[in-house]
């Protein structure tokens, strides 16, 4: 289970659910993830998680988006790990053509 407290709500931009954060400093901020990818970092023999997101409601807060991205990146890692553990991941995208 995630250390970051959240709930799901109806998204503003699509029929997909969005995430509403429940704790300081981002309580009541609503966002959704977009494209998620893993890019190779061959120099360090690792994969780098990259993702897009849309903020649906800033909840009247101003914040540093790079810190916010790190925060929701941590949540995304937890969601992916939880989905793998429970064999419950959903892919809703297409195929990128090069």
C-alpha atoms as a PDB file:
ATOM      1  CA  UNK A   1       0.000   0.000   0.000  1.00  0.00           C
ATOM      2  CA  UNK A   2       1.175   3.490  -0.786  1.00  0.00           C
ATOM      3  CA  UNK A   3       2.779   5.732   1.834  1.00  0.00           C
ATOM      4  CA  UNK A   4       1.244   8.676  -0.029  1.00  0.00           C
ATOM      5  CA  UNK A   5      -2.409   9.157   0.876  1.00  0.00           C
ATOM      6  CA  UNK A   6      -4.740   9.576  -2.105  1.00  0.00           C
ATOM      7  CA  UNK A   7      -8.135   8.651  -3.494  1.00  0.00           C
ATOM      8  CA  UNK A   8      -9.470   8.348  -7.016  1.00  0.00           C
ATOM      9  CA  UNK A   9     -12.037  10.755  -8.455  1.00  0.00           C
ATOM     10  CA  UNK A  10     -13.621  11.351 -11.847  1.00  0.00           C
ATOM     11  CA  UNK A  11     -11.198  13.035 -14.227  1.00  0.00           C
ATOM     12  CA  UNK A  12     -11.927  16.421 -15.777  1.00  0.00           C
ATOM     13  CA  UNK A  13     -10.326  15.663 -19.143  1.00  0.00           C
ATOM     14  CA  UNK A  14     -11.426  12.073 -19.872  1.00  0.00           C
ATOM     15  CA  UNK A  15     -13.474   9.158 -18.632  1.00  0.00           C
ATOM     16  CA  UNK A  16     -10.427   7.871 -16.776  1.00  0.00           C
ATOM     17  CA  UNK A  17     -10.089   8.383 -13.052  1.00  0.00           C
ATOM     18  CA  UNK A  18      -7.869  11.090 -11.622  1.00  0.00           C
ATOM     19  CA  UNK A  19      -5.969  11.101  -8.323  1.00  0.00           C
ATOM     20  CA  UNK A  20      -6.800  13.424  -5.456  1.00  0.00           C
ATOM     21  CA  UNK A  21      -3.973  13.838  -2.954  1.00  0.00           C
ATOM     22  CA  UNK A  22      -5.031  13.870   0.687  1.00  0.00           C
ATOM     23  CA  UNK A  23      -2.043  15.103   2.692  1.00  0.00           C
ATOM     24  CA  UNK A  24       0.029  18.242   3.135  1.00  0.00           C
ATOM     25  CA  UNK A  25       1.541  19.883   1.148  1.00  0.00           C
ATOM     26  CA  UNK A  26      -0.659  18.805  -1.784  1.00  0.00           C
ATOM     27  CA  UNK A  27      -3.992  18.027  -0.115  1.00  0.00           C
ATOM     28  CA  UNK A  28      -6.927  18.320  -2.516  1.00  0.00           C
ATOM     29  CA  UNK A  29      -4.703  18.698  -5.598  1.00  0.00           C
ATOM     30  CA  UNK A  30      -6.207  16.571  -8.375  1.00  0.00           C
ATOM     31  CA  UNK A  31      -4.143  15.237 -11.281  1.00  0.00           C
ATOM     32  CA  UNK A  32      -3.931  12.364 -13.725  1.00  0.00           C
ATOM     33  CA  UNK A  33      -1.016  10.550 -15.287  1.00  0.00           C
ATOM     34  CA  UNK A  34      -0.528  10.570 -19.040  1.00  0.00           C
ATOM     35  CA  UNK A  35       2.090   8.686 -21.031  1.00  0.00           C
ATOM     36  CA  UNK A  36       4.445   6.599 -18.879  1.00  0.00           C
ATOM     37  CA  UNK A  37       7.701   5.201 -20.232  1.00  0.00           C
ATOM     38  CA  UNK A  38      10.985   3.707 -19.117  1.00  0.00           C
ATOM     39  CA  UNK A  39      14.073   5.098 -20.797  1.00  0.00           C
ATOM     40  CA  UNK A  40      17.437   3.320 -20.584  1.00  0.00           C
ATOM     41  CA  UNK A  41      20.293   4.998 -18.714  1.00  0.00           C
ATOM     42  CA  UNK A  42      23.010   2.814 -20.174  1.00  0.00           C
ATOM     43  CA  UNK A  43      25.838   4.642 -18.396  1.00  0.00           C
ATOM     44  CA  UNK A  44      24.406   3.577 -15.034  1.00  0.00           C
ATOM     45  CA  UNK A  45      22.728   0.333 -16.185  1.00  0.00           C
ATOM     46  CA  UNK A  46      19.303   1.564 -15.004  1.00  0.00           C
ATOM     47  CA  UNK A  47      15.914   2.541 -16.342  1.00  0.00           C
ATOM     48  CA  UNK A  48      14.575   6.036 -15.843  1.00  0.00           C
ATOM     49  CA  UNK A  49      10.838   6.412 -15.236  1.00  0.00           C
ATOM     50  CA  UNK A  50       9.384   9.216 -17.339  1.00  0.00           C
ATOM     51  CA  UNK A  51       5.772  10.324 -17.267  1.00  0.00           C
ATOM     52  CA  UNK A  52       3.397  13.043 -18.312  1.00  0.00           C
ATOM     53  CA  UNK A  53       0.609  14.378 -16.136  1.00  0.00           C
ATOM     54  CA  UNK A  54      -2.208  16.906 -16.124  1.00  0.00           C
ATOM     55  CA  UNK A  55      -3.232  18.895 -13.091  1.00  0.00           C
ATOM     56  CA  UNK A  56      -7.023  19.126 -12.949  1.00  0.00           C
ATOM     57  CA  UNK A  57      -7.252  21.263  -9.807  1.00  0.00           C
ATOM     58  CA  UNK A  58      -4.425  23.103  -8.025  1.00  0.00           C
ATOM     59  CA  UNK A  59      -6.683  23.465  -4.939  1.00  0.00           C
ATOM     60  CA  UNK A  60      -5.605  27.089  -4.625  1.00  0.00           C
ATOM     61  CA  UNK A  61      -1.996  26.072  -4.033  1.00  0.00           C
ATOM     62  CA  UNK A  62       1.136  27.379  -5.644  1.00  0.00           C
ATOM     63  CA  UNK A  63       4.078  24.990  -5.555  1.00  0.00           C
ATOM     64  CA  UNK A  64       7.371  24.088  -7.158  1.00  0.00           C
ATOM     65  CA  UNK A  65       6.425  21.733  -9.990  1.00  0.00           C
ATOM     66  CA  UNK A  66       9.787  19.900  -9.945  1.00  0.00           C
ATOM     67  CA  UNK A  67       9.209  18.912  -6.300  1.00  0.00           C
ATOM     68  CA  UNK A  68       5.601  17.975  -7.130  1.00  0.00           C
ATOM     69  CA  UNK A  69       6.808  15.827 -10.049  1.00  0.00           C
ATOM     70  CA  UNK A  70       9.176  13.974  -7.733  1.00  0.00           C
ATOM     71  CA  UNK A  71       6.320  13.418  -5.252  1.00  0.00           C
ATOM     72  CA  UNK A  72       3.904  12.027  -7.833  1.00  0.00           C
ATOM     73  CA  UNK A  73       6.766  10.082  -9.434  1.00  0.00           C
ATOM     74  CA  UNK A  74       7.228   8.290  -6.104  1.00  0.00           C
ATOM     75  CA  UNK A  75       3.489   7.570  -6.053  1.00  0.00           C
ATOM     76  CA  UNK A  76       3.622   6.234  -9.600  1.00  0.00           C
ATOM     77  CA  UNK A  77       6.465   3.866  -8.688  1.00  0.00           C
ATOM     78  CA  UNK A  78       4.402   2.574  -5.758  1.00  0.00           C
ATOM     79  CA  UNK A  79       1.322   2.129  -7.965  1.00  0.00           C
ATOM     80  CA  UNK A  80       3.322   0.194 -10.568  1.00  0.00           C
ATOM     81  CA  UNK A  81       4.910  -2.026  -7.907  1.00  0.00           C
ATOM     82  CA  UNK A  82       1.518  -2.655  -6.288  1.00  0.00           C
ATOM     83  CA  UNK A  83      -0.046  -3.447  -9.676  1.00  0.00           C
ATOM     84  CA  UNK A  84       2.714  -5.933 -10.501  1.00  0.00           C
ATOM     85  CA  UNK A  85       2.440  -7.569  -7.068  1.00  0.00           C
ATOM     86  CA  UNK A  86      -1.323  -7.993  -7.437  1.00  0.00           C
ATOM     87  CA  UNK A  87      -1.170  -8.783 -11.187  1.00  0.00           C
ATOM     88  CA  UNK A  88      -3.474  -5.826 -11.776  1.00  0.00           C
ATOM     89  CA  UNK A  89      -2.045  -3.366 -14.302  1.00  0.00           C
ATOM     90  CA  UNK A  90      -4.141  -1.752 -17.016  1.00  0.00           C
ATOM     91  CA  UNK A  91      -2.707  -0.421 -20.255  1.00  0.00           C
ATOM     92  CA  UNK A  92      -4.943   2.082 -22.031  1.00  0.00           C
ATOM     93  CA  UNK A  93      -2.594   3.460 -24.681  1.00  0.00           C
ATOM     94  CA  UNK A  94      -1.603   2.626 -28.203  1.00  0.00           C
ATOM     95  CA  UNK A  95       1.693   1.933 -29.895  1.00  0.00           C
ATOM     96  CA  UNK A  96       4.170   4.719 -30.581  1.00  0.00           C
ATOM     97  CA  UNK A  97       5.455   4.650 -34.127  1.00  0.00           C
ATOM     98  CA  UNK A  98       9.048   5.703 -34.726  1.00  0.00           C
END
